[in-house]
Amino acid sequence: MKFRIGDATDAALCIALKHEFLRCDDAFNDFVASATIMIMQRENRRIAYKADPHRTRCG
């Protein structure tokens, strides 16, 4: 796929990359918050680092 800097394709790709970066940042911040809470509640660290089954992300 050929495109030029600043054209419609370039702009769309930049928007997509920004969107994906922000989703990853949100997911990481959710992970940090959940793990911190579980560790503070003296949960097993192995359990704390697993996905929280009560929270799902749709995107």
C-alpha atoms as a PDB file:
ATOM      1  CA  MET A   1       0.000   0.000   0.000  1.00  0.00           C
ATOM      2  CA  LYS A   2       1.479   3.315  -1.055  1.00  0.00           C
ATOM      3  CA  PHE A   3       0.535   6.559   0.576  1.00  0.00           C
ATOM      4  CA  ARG A   4       2.020   9.949   1.161  1.00  0.00           C
ATOM      5  CA  ILE A   5       2.609  11.708   4.438  1.00  0.00           C
ATOM      6  CA  GLY A   6      -0.507  13.641   5.326  1.00  0.00           C
ATOM      7  CA  ASP A   7      -2.916  11.984   2.893  1.00  0.00           C
ATOM      8  CA  ALA A   8      -6.162  10.306   3.929  1.00  0.00           C
ATOM      9  CA  THR A   9      -4.585   6.863   4.306  1.00  0.00           C
ATOM     10  CA  ASP A  10      -1.776   8.250   6.458  1.00  0.00           C
ATOM     11  CA  ALA A  11      -4.268  10.084   8.669  1.00  0.00           C
ATOM     12  CA  ALA A  12      -6.434   6.955   9.046  1.00  0.00           C
ATOM     13  CA  LEU A  13      -3.407   4.834   9.995  1.00  0.00           C
ATOM     14  CA  CYS A  14      -2.297   7.406  12.582  1.00  0.00           C
ATOM     15  CA  ILE A  15      -5.774   7.419  14.115  1.00  0.00           C
ATOM     16  CA  ALA A  16      -5.808   3.604  14.247  1.00  0.00           C
ATOM     17  CA  LEU A  17      -2.364   3.455  15.875  1.00  0.00           C
ATOM     18  CA  LYS A  18      -3.316   6.092  18.442  1.00  0.00           C
ATOM     19  CA  HIS A  19      -6.536   4.193  19.218  1.00  0.00           C
ATOM     20  CA  GLU A  20      -4.682   0.901  19.723  1.00  0.00           C
ATOM     21  CA  PHE A  21      -2.015   2.563  21.878  1.00  0.00           C
ATOM     22  CA  LEU A  22      -4.665   4.122  24.121  1.00  0.00           C
ATOM     23  CA  ARG A  23      -6.474   0.770  24.450  1.00  0.00           C
ATOM     24  CA  CYS A  24      -3.213  -0.889  25.529  1.00  0.00           C
ATOM     25  CA  ASP A  25      -2.513   1.935  27.973  1.00  0.00           C
ATOM     26  CA  ASP A  26      -6.011   1.602  29.473  1.00  0.00           C
ATOM     27  CA  ALA A  27      -5.656  -2.178  29.778  1.00  0.00           C
ATOM     28  CA  PHE A  28      -2.262  -1.854  31.470  1.00  0.00           C
ATOM     29  CA  ASN A  29      -3.606   0.724  33.928  1.00  0.00           C
ATOM     30  CA  ASP A  30      -6.553  -1.574  34.724  1.00  0.00           C
ATOM     31  CA  PHE A  31      -4.088  -4.418  35.314  1.00  0.00           C
ATOM     32  CA  VAL A  32      -1.973  -2.301  37.661  1.00  0.00           C
ATOM     33  CA  ALA A  33      -5.024  -1.177  39.646  1.00  0.00           C
ATOM     34  CA  SER A  34      -6.445  -4.702  39.963  1.00  0.00           C
ATOM     35  CA  ALA A  35      -3.115  -6.264  40.901  1.00  0.00           C
ATOM     36  CA  THR A  36      -2.417  -3.552  43.461  1.00  0.00           C
ATOM     37  CA  ILE A  37      -5.804  -4.025  45.124  1.00  0.00           C
ATOM     38  CA  MET A  38      -5.403  -7.785  45.263  1.00  0.00           C
ATOM     39  CA  ILE A  39      -1.899  -7.534  46.714  1.00  0.00           C
ATOM     40  CA  MET A  40      -3.071  -4.995  49.289  1.00  0.00           C
ATOM     41  CA  GLN A  41      -5.798  -7.467  50.289  1.00  0.00           C
ATOM     42  CA  ARG A  42      -3.043 -10.046  50.805  1.00  0.00           C
ATOM     43  CA  GLU A  43      -4.130 -12.182  47.883  1.00  0.00           C
ATOM     44  CA  ASN A  44      -1.691 -14.578  46.313  1.00  0.00           C
ATOM     45  CA  ARG A  45       0.496 -12.671  43.816  1.00  0.00           C
ATOM     46  CA  ARG A  46      -0.035 -15.385  41.201  1.00  0.00           C
ATOM     47  CA  ILE A  47      -3.776 -14.853  41.463  1.00  0.00           C
ATOM     48  CA  ALA A  48      -3.334 -11.067  41.483  1.00  0.00           C
ATOM     49  CA  TYR A  49      -1.621 -11.108  38.120  1.00  0.00           C
ATOM     50  CA  LYS A  50      -4.304 -13.154  36.370  1.00  0.00           C
ATOM     51  CA  ALA A  51      -7.157 -11.509  34.523  1.00  0.00           C
ATOM     52  CA  ASP A  52     -10.051 -10.415  36.681  1.00  0.00           C
ATOM     53  CA  PRO A  53     -13.024 -12.563  35.517  1.00  0.00           C
ATOM     54  CA  HIS A  54     -15.531  -9.966  36.698  1.00  0.00           C
ATOM     55  CA  ARG A  55     -14.255  -7.270  34.375  1.00  0.00           C
ATOM     56  CA  THR A  56     -14.356  -7.535  30.632  1.00  0.00           C
ATOM     57  CA  ARG A  57     -13.284  -5.075  27.991  1.00  0.00           C
ATOM     58  CA  CYS A  58     -15.189  -4.595  24.811  1.00  0.00           C
ATOM     59  CA  GLY A  59     -13.598  -2.587  22.184  1.00  0.00           C
END
